[in-house]
Protein backbone atom coordinates (compact mmCIF):
# COMPACT_ATOMS: atom_id res chain seq x y z
CA MET A 1 -175.98 141.04 53.04
CA PHE A 2 -172.64 142.77 53.65
CA TYR A 3 -170.90 140.66 51.00
CA ALA A 4 -173.69 141.35 48.41
CA THR A 5 -173.24 145.15 48.96
CA GLU A 6 -169.44 144.95 48.64
CA ARG A 7 -169.81 142.89 45.53
CA THR A 8 -172.20 145.33 43.91
CA ARG A 9 -169.86 148.16 44.73
CA ILE A 10 -166.91 146.38 43.18
CA ILE A 11 -168.94 145.62 40.06
CA LEU A 12 -169.91 149.32 39.80
CA ILE A 13 -166.42 150.52 40.23
CA THR A 14 -165.19 147.99 37.67
CA ILE A 15 -167.84 149.10 35.21
CA LEU A 16 -166.88 152.77 35.80
CA PHE A 17 -163.19 151.96 35.14
CA ILE A 18 -164.10 150.05 31.96
CA LEU A 19 -166.25 152.99 30.81
CA PHE A 20 -163.39 155.41 31.60
CA TYR A 21 -160.89 153.28 29.57
CA VAL A 22 -163.38 152.94 26.70
CA LEU A 23 -163.85 156.73 26.66
CA LEU A 24 -160.09 157.23 26.93
CA ILE A 25 -159.38 154.78 24.08
CA GLY A 26 -162.19 156.49 22.03
CA ARG A 27 -160.71 159.95 22.71
CA LEU A 28 -157.21 158.69 21.71
CA TYR A 29 -158.74 157.14 18.53
CA VAL A 30 -160.31 160.48 17.66
CA LEU A 31 -157.17 162.41 18.31
CA GLN A 32 -154.76 160.03 16.54
CA MET A 33 -156.98 158.69 13.82
CA VAL A 34 -159.93 160.92 13.06
CA ASN A 35 -158.28 164.29 13.70
CA HIS A 36 -154.77 163.09 12.83
CA ASP A 37 -154.24 165.59 9.94
CA PHE A 38 -155.59 168.52 11.90
CA TYR A 39 -153.13 168.07 14.90
CA VAL A 40 -150.23 167.31 12.56
CA ALA A 41 -150.83 170.57 10.87
CA LEU A 42 -151.19 172.36 14.25
CA ALA A 43 -147.93 170.86 15.42
CA GLU A 44 -146.15 171.84 12.26
CA LYS A 45 -147.47 175.32 12.68
CA GLN A 46 -145.90 175.49 16.11
CA TYR A 47 -142.41 174.42 15.05
CA GLN A 48 -142.37 175.52 11.43
CA VAL A 49 -142.13 179.11 10.21
CA THR A 50 -142.93 180.19 6.65
CA VAL A 51 -140.77 182.98 5.20
CA ILE A 52 -141.82 184.73 2.01
CA LEU A 53 -138.93 186.36 0.08
CA PRO A 54 -140.30 188.87 -2.41
CA ALA A 55 -138.83 188.72 -5.92
CA SER A 56 -136.77 191.50 -7.29
CA ARG A 57 -139.04 193.63 -9.53
CA GLY A 58 -138.05 193.99 -13.13
CA LEU A 59 -136.64 197.27 -14.33
CA ILE A 60 -138.11 199.54 -17.10
CA PHE A 61 -135.89 201.02 -19.76
CA ASP A 62 -136.44 203.14 -22.87
CA ARG A 63 -135.50 202.19 -26.40
CA HIS A 64 -131.85 203.25 -25.77
CA ASN A 65 -131.46 201.27 -22.53
CA ILE A 66 -131.82 204.41 -20.43
CA PRO A 67 -133.46 203.38 -17.12
CA LEU A 68 -136.97 204.74 -16.41
CA ALA A 69 -137.83 202.74 -13.28
CA LEU A 70 -135.24 201.19 -10.84
CA ASN A 71 -135.48 199.36 -7.63
CA ASN A 72 -135.00 201.19 -4.37
CA GLU A 73 -135.46 200.70 -0.63
CA ALA A 74 -137.98 202.60 1.53
CA ILE A 75 -138.12 202.90 5.31
CA SER A 76 -141.32 202.03 7.18
CA ALA A 77 -142.04 202.51 10.87
CA PHE A 78 -143.89 199.84 12.92
CA ILE A 79 -144.72 199.01 16.54
CA ILE A 80 -145.77 195.97 18.62
CA PRO A 81 -149.13 196.99 20.00
CA GLU A 82 -149.33 194.44 22.77
CA LYS A 83 -146.27 195.98 24.44
CA ILE A 84 -147.68 199.55 24.46
CA ASN A 85 -150.13 200.80 27.12
CA ASN A 86 -152.26 203.94 26.97
CA GLU A 87 -150.00 205.79 29.33
CA ASN A 88 -147.02 205.43 27.03
CA ARG A 89 -145.42 208.60 25.76
CA LEU A 90 -145.83 207.35 22.20
CA CYS A 91 -149.59 207.07 22.76
CA HIS A 92 -149.82 210.68 23.86
CA TYR A 93 -147.92 211.75 20.74
CA LEU A 94 -150.12 209.68 18.38
CA LYS A 95 -153.26 210.97 20.01
CA GLN A 96 -152.27 214.54 19.41
CA GLU A 97 -150.43 214.41 16.15
CA LEU A 98 -151.76 211.28 14.39
CA PRO A 99 -155.26 210.63 15.76
CA ARG A 100 -156.22 208.21 13.04
CA THR A 101 -153.20 206.06 13.82
CA TYR A 102 -154.01 206.21 17.50
CA GLU A 103 -157.54 204.98 16.82
CA LEU A 104 -156.11 202.04 14.82
CA LEU A 105 -153.73 201.19 17.77
CA GLN A 106 -156.68 201.14 20.17
CA ASP A 107 -158.48 198.64 17.86
CA ASN A 108 -155.38 196.45 17.51
CA LYS A 109 -153.95 196.28 21.07
CA GLN A 110 -153.52 192.59 21.07
CA LYS A 111 -151.64 192.42 17.72
CA LYS A 112 -147.90 191.64 17.44
CA PHE A 113 -147.34 193.98 14.50
CA MET A 114 -148.73 197.32 13.25
CA TYR A 115 -147.45 199.79 10.76
CA LEU A 116 -147.24 203.38 11.98
CA SER A 117 -146.29 204.77 8.66
CA ARG A 118 -144.91 203.41 5.43
CA HIS A 119 -142.25 204.82 3.04
CA ILE A 120 -141.40 207.64 5.40
CA ASN A 121 -138.90 210.46 4.66
CA ASP A 122 -135.86 211.38 6.71
CA GLU A 123 -137.71 214.06 8.61
CA GLN A 124 -140.49 211.62 9.69
CA LYS A 125 -137.87 208.98 10.62
CA LYS A 126 -136.12 211.46 12.88
CA VAL A 127 -139.31 212.15 14.68
CA PHE A 128 -140.17 208.44 15.25
CA GLU A 129 -136.63 207.66 16.39
CA ALA A 130 -137.34 209.64 19.57
CA PHE A 131 -139.62 206.73 20.72
CA PRO A 132 -137.87 203.53 21.70
CA GLU A 133 -141.08 201.53 20.98
CA VAL A 134 -140.95 202.42 17.27
CA HIS A 135 -138.98 200.05 15.01
CA PHE A 136 -137.96 200.39 11.42
CA LEU A 137 -137.74 198.02 8.48
CA LYS A 138 -136.69 198.34 4.90
CA GLU A 139 -139.20 197.57 2.10
CA PRO A 140 -138.77 197.38 -1.67
CA ALA A 141 -139.86 200.45 -3.54
CA ARG A 142 -139.40 202.09 -6.93
CA LEU A 143 -137.20 205.01 -8.12
CA TYR A 144 -138.48 206.90 -11.21
CA LEU A 145 -135.84 208.88 -13.13
CA HIS A 146 -137.85 210.66 -15.86
CA SER A 147 -140.96 212.54 -14.81
CA SER A 148 -141.85 213.23 -18.45
CA CYS A 149 -142.45 209.53 -18.91
CA ALA A 150 -144.59 209.21 -15.84
CA THR A 151 -147.92 208.74 -17.62
CA VAL A 152 -146.47 205.92 -19.70
CA VAL A 153 -144.30 204.13 -17.04
CA GLY A 154 -146.87 204.59 -14.24
CA LEU A 155 -146.43 203.92 -10.52
CA THR A 156 -146.44 201.25 -7.84
CA ASP A 157 -148.17 201.44 -4.49
CA VAL A 158 -146.60 200.96 -1.02
CA ASP A 159 -146.73 197.19 -1.54
CA ASN A 160 -144.66 197.67 -4.74
CA GLN A 161 -147.64 196.52 -6.94
CA GLY A 162 -148.27 198.43 -10.18
CA VAL A 163 -151.27 200.75 -10.03
CA SER A 164 -150.94 202.65 -13.38
CA GLY A 165 -149.06 202.73 -16.68
CA ILE A 166 -146.70 199.95 -17.73
CA GLU A 167 -146.16 199.13 -13.96
CA PHE A 168 -149.80 197.97 -13.92
CA GLY A 169 -150.17 196.76 -17.48
CA MET A 170 -147.13 194.54 -17.17
CA GLN A 171 -147.50 193.78 -13.42
CA GLU A 172 -147.21 189.94 -13.76
CA THR A 173 -144.08 190.21 -15.90
CA LEU A 174 -142.36 192.83 -13.71
CA ALA A 175 -143.30 191.32 -10.37
CA GLY A 176 -141.89 187.88 -10.86
CA LYS A 177 -142.67 185.24 -8.22
CA ALA A 178 -141.86 185.25 -4.49
CA THR A 179 -139.74 182.46 -3.02
CA ILE A 180 -141.43 180.61 -0.14
CA GLN A 181 -139.28 178.90 2.43
CA GLN A 182 -140.19 176.95 5.63
CA PHE A 183 -137.74 176.55 8.55
CA GLU A 184 -137.88 174.34 11.63
CA LYS A 185 -138.16 176.19 14.90
CA ASP A 186 -136.85 175.12 18.25
CA ALA A 187 -140.00 174.94 20.43
CA LYS A 188 -138.17 175.95 23.61
CA SER A 189 -135.75 178.64 22.53
CA ASP A 190 -137.81 179.88 19.58
CA PHE A 191 -134.69 179.93 17.38
CA PHE A 192 -134.62 178.65 13.84
CA HIS A 193 -132.74 175.55 12.80
CA SER A 194 -130.53 176.06 9.84
CA ASN A 195 -132.00 173.39 7.69
CA THR A 196 -134.84 174.28 5.23
CA ILE A 197 -137.83 171.94 5.27
CA ASP A 198 -139.56 173.07 2.15
CA VAL A 199 -138.90 175.55 -0.62
CA GLN A 200 -141.18 176.84 -3.35
CA GLY A 201 -138.86 178.41 -5.82
CA GLY A 202 -139.54 181.90 -7.11
CA TYR A 203 -137.90 184.02 -9.84
CA ALA A 204 -137.02 187.67 -10.40
CA GLY A 205 -139.25 189.95 -12.53
CA GLN A 206 -138.30 190.49 -16.15
CA ASN A 207 -137.00 193.86 -17.39
CA ILE A 208 -139.19 195.80 -19.81
CA TYR A 209 -137.75 197.77 -22.78
CA LEU A 210 -140.08 200.40 -24.21
CA THR A 211 -140.14 201.92 -27.69
CA ILE A 212 -140.35 205.36 -25.96
CA ASP A 213 -137.34 207.68 -26.49
CA SER A 214 -137.06 209.29 -23.03
CA THR A 215 -134.90 212.14 -24.23
CA LEU A 216 -137.28 213.04 -27.03
CA GLN A 217 -140.17 212.63 -24.65
CA PHE A 218 -138.55 215.12 -22.27
CA LEU A 219 -137.94 217.70 -25.00
CA ILE A 220 -141.43 217.39 -26.45
CA THR A 221 -143.13 217.47 -23.05
CA LYS A 222 -141.26 220.68 -22.30
CA LYS A 223 -142.47 222.26 -25.49
CA LEU A 224 -146.01 220.96 -24.87
CA LYS A 225 -146.22 222.50 -21.43
CA LYS A 226 -144.91 225.86 -22.70
CA HIS A 227 -147.48 225.93 -25.58
CA CYS A 228 -150.35 225.04 -23.19
CA LYS A 229 -149.47 227.63 -20.58
CA LYS A 230 -149.04 230.31 -23.17
CA ASN A 231 -152.47 229.51 -24.70
CA LEU A 232 -154.26 228.67 -21.43
CA CYS A 233 -155.10 225.15 -22.51
CA SER A 234 -156.52 222.70 -19.91
CA GLN A 235 -155.33 219.44 -21.43
CA ALA A 236 -153.21 218.39 -24.36
CA GLY A 237 -151.26 215.48 -25.93
CA VAL A 238 -148.61 214.61 -28.44
CA VAL A 239 -147.89 211.30 -30.15
CA VAL A 240 -144.93 210.60 -32.42
CA LEU A 241 -144.68 207.34 -34.33
CA ASP A 242 -142.16 205.70 -36.59
CA PRO A 243 -144.28 204.43 -39.52
CA ALA A 244 -141.58 202.00 -40.64
CA ASN A 245 -142.28 199.77 -37.69
CA GLY A 246 -145.12 201.31 -35.68
CA ASP A 247 -142.88 202.22 -32.72
CA ILE A 248 -144.39 204.78 -30.31
CA LEU A 249 -141.48 207.15 -29.77
CA THR A 250 -143.31 209.78 -27.76
CA MET A 251 -146.62 209.82 -25.91
CA SER A 252 -146.69 213.06 -24.01
CA SER A 253 -149.60 214.41 -21.90
CA TYR A 254 -150.43 217.72 -20.20
CA ALA A 255 -153.14 218.68 -17.72
CA ASP A 256 -153.41 221.86 -15.78
CA GLN A 257 -155.14 220.15 -12.78
CA ALA A 258 -152.77 218.26 -10.42
CA GLU A 259 -155.17 215.37 -9.99
CA LEU A 260 -155.14 214.67 -13.75
CA GLN A 261 -151.42 214.94 -14.33
CA MET A 262 -150.81 211.16 -14.01
CA LYS A 263 -153.53 210.53 -16.64
CA ASN A 264 -152.35 209.58 -20.11
CA ASN A 265 -154.47 211.82 -22.26
CA CYS A 266 -153.27 210.22 -25.41
CA ILE A 267 -155.10 206.93 -24.71
CA SER A 268 -157.60 207.72 -21.93
CA ASN A 269 -159.41 210.68 -23.56
CA ALA A 270 -161.62 209.92 -26.56
CA TYR A 271 -162.83 212.94 -28.54
CA GLU A 272 -164.77 213.83 -31.66
CA PHE A 273 -161.75 215.52 -33.29
CA GLY A 274 -163.52 217.21 -36.21
CA SER A 275 -161.88 218.06 -39.47
CA VAL A 276 -158.71 215.91 -39.14
CA CYS A 277 -161.05 213.09 -40.05
CA LYS A 278 -161.42 214.67 -43.50
CA ILE A 279 -158.14 212.92 -44.20
CA PHE A 280 -159.85 209.53 -43.85
CA ALA A 281 -163.05 210.55 -45.64
CA ALA A 282 -160.86 211.71 -48.58
CA LEU A 283 -158.82 208.50 -48.39
CA ALA A 284 -162.01 206.48 -48.63
CA ALA A 285 -163.43 208.59 -51.48
CA VAL A 286 -160.23 208.38 -53.63
CA GLU A 287 -159.83 204.67 -52.97
CA GLU A 288 -163.54 203.92 -53.94
CA LYS A 289 -163.11 206.24 -57.00
CA VAL A 290 -166.23 208.25 -56.14
CA VAL A 291 -164.32 211.46 -56.73
CA THR A 292 -161.18 212.70 -58.47
CA VAL A 293 -158.69 215.07 -56.96
CA ASP A 294 -159.46 217.84 -59.59
CA GLU A 295 -163.25 217.42 -59.65
CA LEU A 296 -165.03 220.72 -58.89
CA ILE A 297 -167.39 220.66 -55.95
CA ASP A 298 -170.02 223.35 -55.42
CA CYS A 299 -169.53 224.61 -51.90
CA LYS A 300 -172.56 226.92 -52.29
CA ASN A 301 -170.62 230.06 -51.50
CA THR A 302 -172.12 230.22 -48.03
CA LYS A 303 -171.20 229.31 -44.46
CA THR A 304 -174.49 227.54 -43.93
CA ALA A 305 -176.17 225.24 -46.48
CA ARG A 306 -178.98 222.67 -46.56
CA LEU A 307 -178.13 219.15 -47.81
CA ASP A 308 -180.98 216.61 -47.99
CA GLY A 309 -182.88 218.70 -45.61
CA ARG A 310 -180.04 218.94 -43.08
CA THR A 311 -178.16 222.03 -42.07
CA VAL A 312 -174.38 221.99 -42.66
CA ASN A 313 -172.12 224.77 -41.28
CA THR A 314 -168.62 225.53 -42.33
CA TRP A 315 -166.01 227.99 -41.11
CA LYS A 316 -165.71 230.02 -44.31
CA ALA A 317 -167.84 230.51 -47.49
CA HIS A 318 -166.38 229.01 -50.65
CA GLY A 319 -167.82 228.67 -54.17
CA LEU A 320 -166.48 226.09 -56.66
CA LEU A 321 -163.51 224.19 -55.22
CA SER A 322 -161.54 221.23 -56.52
CA PHE A 323 -161.74 218.20 -54.26
CA LYS A 324 -158.12 218.86 -53.33
CA GLU A 325 -159.05 222.38 -52.23
CA VAL A 326 -162.19 221.16 -50.37
CA VAL A 327 -159.91 219.19 -48.02
CA ALA A 328 -157.15 221.87 -47.99
CA MET A 329 -159.57 224.61 -47.08
CA SER A 330 -161.55 222.28 -44.79
CA ASN A 331 -164.96 223.02 -46.26
CA ASN A 332 -167.62 220.95 -44.50
CA ILE A 333 -170.29 221.53 -47.24
CA GLY A 334 -167.93 220.19 -49.90
CA ILE A 335 -166.76 217.08 -47.99
CA ALA A 336 -170.31 216.23 -46.95
CA GLN A 337 -171.42 216.04 -50.58
CA VAL A 338 -168.66 213.65 -51.43
CA ALA A 339 -169.32 211.55 -48.33
CA LYS A 340 -172.93 211.07 -49.49
CA ARG A 341 -171.53 209.19 -52.47
CA LEU A 342 -169.72 206.80 -50.22
CA ASP A 343 -172.69 206.01 -48.01
CA VAL A 344 -171.93 202.95 -45.71
CA LEU A 345 -168.51 202.54 -47.30
CA LEU A 346 -167.29 205.47 -45.22
CA TYR A 347 -168.11 203.43 -42.06
CA LYS A 348 -166.18 200.49 -43.55
CA HIS A 349 -163.07 202.53 -44.03
CA TYR A 350 -163.19 204.09 -40.65
CA LYS A 351 -163.36 200.67 -39.08
CA GLN A 352 -160.54 199.18 -41.10
CA LEU A 353 -158.34 202.16 -40.06
CA GLY A 354 -158.90 201.11 -36.45
CA PHE A 355 -161.56 203.45 -35.17
CA ALA A 356 -163.75 202.13 -32.34
CA LYS A 357 -161.33 199.22 -31.79
CA ASN A 358 -159.05 198.40 -28.81
CA LEU A 359 -155.43 199.30 -29.27
CA ASP A 360 -153.17 196.37 -28.51
CA ILE A 361 -150.65 198.03 -26.19
CA PRO A 362 -150.14 197.07 -22.50
CA LEU A 363 -151.48 200.20 -20.90
CA PRO A 364 -154.62 200.37 -18.62
CA ALA A 365 -157.51 202.90 -18.92
CA LYS A 366 -157.44 202.78 -22.78
CA GLN A 367 -160.57 204.17 -24.47
CA ARG A 368 -161.58 202.40 -27.67
CA GLY A 369 -163.69 205.27 -28.92
CA THR A 370 -167.09 205.04 -30.71
CA ILE A 371 -168.57 205.25 -34.20
CA THR A 372 -172.22 205.27 -35.02
CA HIS A 373 -173.15 202.01 -36.86
CA PRO A 374 -175.06 202.45 -40.11
CA ALA A 375 -178.04 200.57 -38.55
CA ASN A 376 -178.36 203.56 -36.12
CA TRP A 377 -177.67 206.40 -38.58
CA SER A 378 -179.92 209.42 -38.63
CA LYS A 379 -180.16 211.71 -41.65
CA GLN A 380 -177.37 213.77 -40.11
CA SER A 381 -174.96 210.84 -39.43
CA LEU A 382 -173.20 210.53 -42.74
CA ILE A 383 -172.76 214.26 -43.00
CA SER A 384 -171.33 214.42 -39.46
CA LEU A 385 -168.99 211.48 -40.03
CA SER A 386 -167.47 213.26 -43.02
CA TYR A 387 -166.02 216.05 -40.88
CA GLY A 388 -165.34 214.16 -37.71
CA TYR A 389 -168.43 214.02 -35.59
CA GLU A 390 -170.27 210.86 -34.53
CA VAL A 391 -166.78 209.18 -34.47
CA SER A 392 -164.73 209.55 -31.27
CA ALA A 393 -161.14 208.44 -30.92
CA THR A 394 -158.04 208.82 -28.74
CA LEU A 395 -155.02 210.73 -30.03
CA LEU A 396 -153.14 207.45 -30.45
CA HIS A 397 -156.03 206.10 -32.58
CA LEU A 398 -155.64 209.15 -34.85
CA ALA A 399 -151.88 208.68 -35.19
CA CYS A 400 -152.25 204.95 -35.92
CA ALA A 401 -154.97 205.57 -38.52
CA PHE A 402 -152.47 207.76 -40.38
CA LEU A 403 -149.80 205.00 -40.52
CA PRO A 404 -151.11 203.44 -43.77
CA ILE A 405 -150.68 206.83 -45.44
CA ALA A 406 -147.08 206.94 -44.39
CA HIS A 407 -146.43 203.22 -45.11
CA ASP A 408 -147.67 203.11 -48.77
CA GLY A 409 -151.15 201.88 -47.81
CA TYR A 410 -150.14 199.03 -45.48
CA LYS A 411 -151.66 198.48 -42.09
CA VAL A 412 -148.97 198.93 -39.37
CA LYS A 413 -149.55 197.73 -35.81
CA PRO A 414 -148.48 200.22 -33.10
CA ARG A 415 -145.72 198.92 -30.78
CA LEU A 416 -144.83 200.02 -27.24
CA LEU A 417 -142.56 197.08 -26.27
CA LEU A 418 -139.32 196.46 -28.12
CA ASN A 419 -139.50 192.76 -27.68
CA VAL A 420 -142.90 192.51 -29.48
CA PRO A 421 -142.46 191.55 -33.13
CA ILE A 422 -142.95 194.26 -35.80
CA LYS A 423 -146.20 193.60 -37.58
CA ILE A 424 -146.92 195.00 -41.00
CA GLY A 425 -150.34 193.87 -42.10
CA LYS A 426 -152.16 193.65 -45.41
CA LYS A 427 -152.19 196.54 -47.98
CA LEU A 428 -155.39 198.50 -47.39
CA TYR A 429 -154.93 201.15 -50.07
CA HIS A 430 -153.51 201.33 -53.56
CA SER A 431 -150.27 203.16 -53.93
CA GLU A 432 -151.91 205.60 -56.35
CA THR A 433 -154.49 206.44 -53.67
CA ILE A 434 -151.73 207.20 -51.16
CA THR A 435 -149.90 209.38 -53.62
CA THR A 436 -153.12 211.36 -54.20
CA ILE A 437 -153.79 211.78 -50.49
CA LYS A 438 -150.25 212.94 -49.93
CA ASP A 439 -150.69 215.54 -52.66
CA ILE A 440 -153.87 216.75 -50.99
CA LEU A 441 -152.22 217.00 -47.61
CA ARG A 442 -149.25 218.81 -49.16
CA GLU A 443 -151.64 221.33 -50.50
CA THR A 444 -153.29 221.63 -47.13
CA THR A 445 -150.01 222.52 -45.50
CA GLU A 446 -148.71 224.80 -48.24
CA ARG A 447 -151.88 226.75 -49.03
CA GLY A 448 -154.66 225.48 -46.72
CA THR A 449 -155.55 225.51 -43.01
CA ALA A 450 -152.24 223.95 -41.88
CA ARG A 451 -149.94 226.67 -43.19
CA LYS A 452 -148.52 227.34 -39.74
CA ALA A 453 -147.18 223.83 -39.68
CA ARG A 454 -144.80 224.30 -42.61
CA ILE A 455 -141.09 223.77 -42.07
CA LYS A 456 -138.77 225.09 -44.80
CA GLY A 457 -136.71 222.33 -46.42
CA TYR A 458 -139.01 219.50 -45.30
CA ASP A 459 -142.09 217.80 -46.62
CA VAL A 460 -144.84 218.40 -44.15
CA LEU A 461 -148.19 216.77 -44.82
CA CYS A 462 -150.94 217.42 -42.31
CA LYS A 463 -154.54 218.43 -41.61
CA THR A 464 -156.13 220.45 -38.80
CA GLY A 465 -159.33 219.97 -36.93
CA SER A 466 -161.45 222.15 -34.67
CA ALA A 467 -164.42 220.56 -32.72
CA HIS A 468 -166.80 221.45 -30.01
CA LEU A 469 -167.01 219.25 -26.92
CA LEU A 470 -170.18 217.63 -25.69
CA VAL A 471 -171.06 219.13 -22.27
CA ASP A 472 -174.27 217.89 -20.55
CA GLY A 473 -175.53 216.43 -23.88
CA ARG A 474 -174.99 219.56 -25.92
CA TYR A 475 -172.12 220.89 -28.01
CA SER A 476 -170.54 223.78 -26.15
CA MET A 477 -169.09 226.75 -27.93
CA ASP A 478 -166.83 227.44 -25.02
CA ASP A 479 -165.26 223.99 -24.72
CA ASN A 480 -163.21 223.01 -27.79
CA ILE A 481 -160.66 220.52 -29.13
CA TYR A 482 -157.95 221.75 -31.60
CA SER A 483 -155.86 219.14 -33.34
CA CYS A 484 -153.34 218.58 -36.09
CA LEU A 485 -152.44 215.26 -37.66
CA GLY A 486 -149.86 214.36 -40.29
CA MET A 487 -146.24 213.59 -40.99
CA VAL A 488 -142.91 215.11 -41.76
CA GLU A 489 -140.48 213.41 -44.19
CA LYS A 490 -137.26 213.96 -46.02
CA ASN A 491 -135.06 211.55 -48.09
CA GLY A 492 -136.86 208.45 -46.78
CA TYR A 493 -137.06 209.65 -43.17
CA GLN A 494 -140.66 209.82 -41.80
CA ARG A 495 -142.32 210.58 -38.56
CA VAL A 496 -146.12 210.62 -37.95
CA ILE A 497 -147.21 213.25 -35.53
CA ALA A 498 -150.53 213.94 -33.82
CA VAL A 499 -151.21 216.78 -31.44
CA TYR A 500 -154.29 218.20 -29.68
CA VAL A 501 -155.01 220.87 -27.10
CA GLN A 502 -158.30 221.43 -25.14
CA LYS A 503 -159.42 224.90 -24.25
CA ASN A 504 -162.29 225.78 -21.96
CA GLY A 505 -163.94 229.16 -21.52
CA PRO A 506 -165.58 231.90 -23.55
CA GLY A 507 -163.96 233.99 -26.29
CA GLN A 508 -163.07 231.17 -28.74
CA LYS A 509 -165.47 232.17 -31.53
CA ASP A 510 -162.52 233.10 -33.82
CA THR A 511 -160.06 230.50 -32.57
CA PHE A 512 -159.27 227.59 -34.85
CA ALA A 513 -156.86 224.68 -35.00
CA SER A 514 -154.94 226.54 -37.79
CA THR A 515 -153.68 228.99 -35.08
CA MET A 516 -153.90 226.73 -31.98
CA ALA A 517 -152.72 223.25 -33.09
CA ALA A 518 -150.76 223.77 -36.30
CA PRO A 519 -148.06 225.83 -34.52
CA LEU A 520 -147.73 223.04 -31.94
CA PHE A 521 -147.35 220.50 -34.73
CA GLU A 522 -144.61 222.61 -36.24
CA THR A 523 -142.82 222.94 -32.91
CA VAL A 524 -142.98 219.17 -32.24
CA ALA A 525 -141.87 218.33 -35.83
CA GLU A 526 -138.91 220.78 -35.52
CA THR A 527 -137.90 219.21 -32.20
CA VAL A 528 -138.05 215.71 -33.67
CA LEU A 529 -136.01 216.65 -36.75
CA LEU A 530 -133.32 218.42 -34.70
CA TYR A 531 -133.14 215.56 -32.23
CA ASP A 532 -132.78 212.97 -35.07
CA ARG A 533 -130.30 215.29 -36.90
CA ILE A 534 -132.33 215.30 -40.13
CA LEU A 535 -130.69 218.28 -41.78
């Protein structure tokens, strides 16, 4: 009996040992075979450190290689939360002076790193230096040298990523690619070994060269601000183009509200500009041969007339006017009658001039504008389109639509980057049509509504426009856009210029683009001519 009990005990113990070894072998199999990759990765994580070396951001230059955006270093303050207790002097300071930062610290007590403040100035750094727990590091940042170019160049955020302008539109090109390196680490001493295990090569960002002339931009922005403050304008913009190649030389914006001053009004605001669009209605009418320049148009000798049952208002009563005079004197009743002859062809011409289409330039927040499609026309639509309503556009759209007039009828693509090929498209208008339109615009400047844009000794061809803004679904008499579009030329030299100002508030009943926008056009044109030394 005793021996049987001992034998049973030995068998049980042996079975238990066998089971233990089976479980041990099974566990080792799981660790080494089934979960092999997981534990290899875990081990590598413990003795390998990954270091990301950010790429040097590309610089931004103007057309003359003048730097607009350079790389710089910024100082940021950080702490190690796990080494700071609530009785620490720094905590008392944060609780009193920076309560939001103090709350973040309480929520991140176990972390090994936390920013206190990024991109601090010298005064802030001096305050933080009084606390031994605060450490500092240098971070890449940007230095902008020309504030007048800010709405074109844009900005980067604290992580040096573009958030507006070219900085955002060309982010991938400017940012380059970071270099990723892995180093072996001594598990005991926590020091790095010198050998690199793995490297993912990066590359520096590319430099960007704009067509903008920063000096001209500065001079025009200064004139624009002076004009706006003198006339109490809320927003404004100026665009200057070289019609020979489509280069955007100046794209200047103004806003009286601080929160809007980084907004590029020339591309982000789309308006119904009013009578400047008579340029394009006339261009279409002459090209389609539905009118001749000397044909007499009955403007009804009234400021309000009925056409096909619709009311048409104009700024001044005129009787019989030649078509040239209809445009020069900006008579809505006359241009509406000619537009009726064009019918849907007016829409076709507006579209081929680029209205309601995206502009192919690398800037964010671009508006494409709108134009009422013939399928949605009311009885009023064709009349409205003839003098610049039911078609909205940005100032850059307006300037680009004028390029075929300056370039003998050829379509010219606007260009903001110097490395983009110059693109002159197909011929949209006959040379005879362009000559006629230039004569009409010359008449408008010499004897019409754009007389205040004249410059002695130069050929100035432009048209003004005054329009009411839509406010809460209705056209407001107290919120208006005043614009002037055209070009200045002499001996083969040409510049296309578009300007607009926005005014808000009562008392504008007798205010027109002829006294608000034409003088600004003349100021800008004179500035351009003097800068380019066209004497």
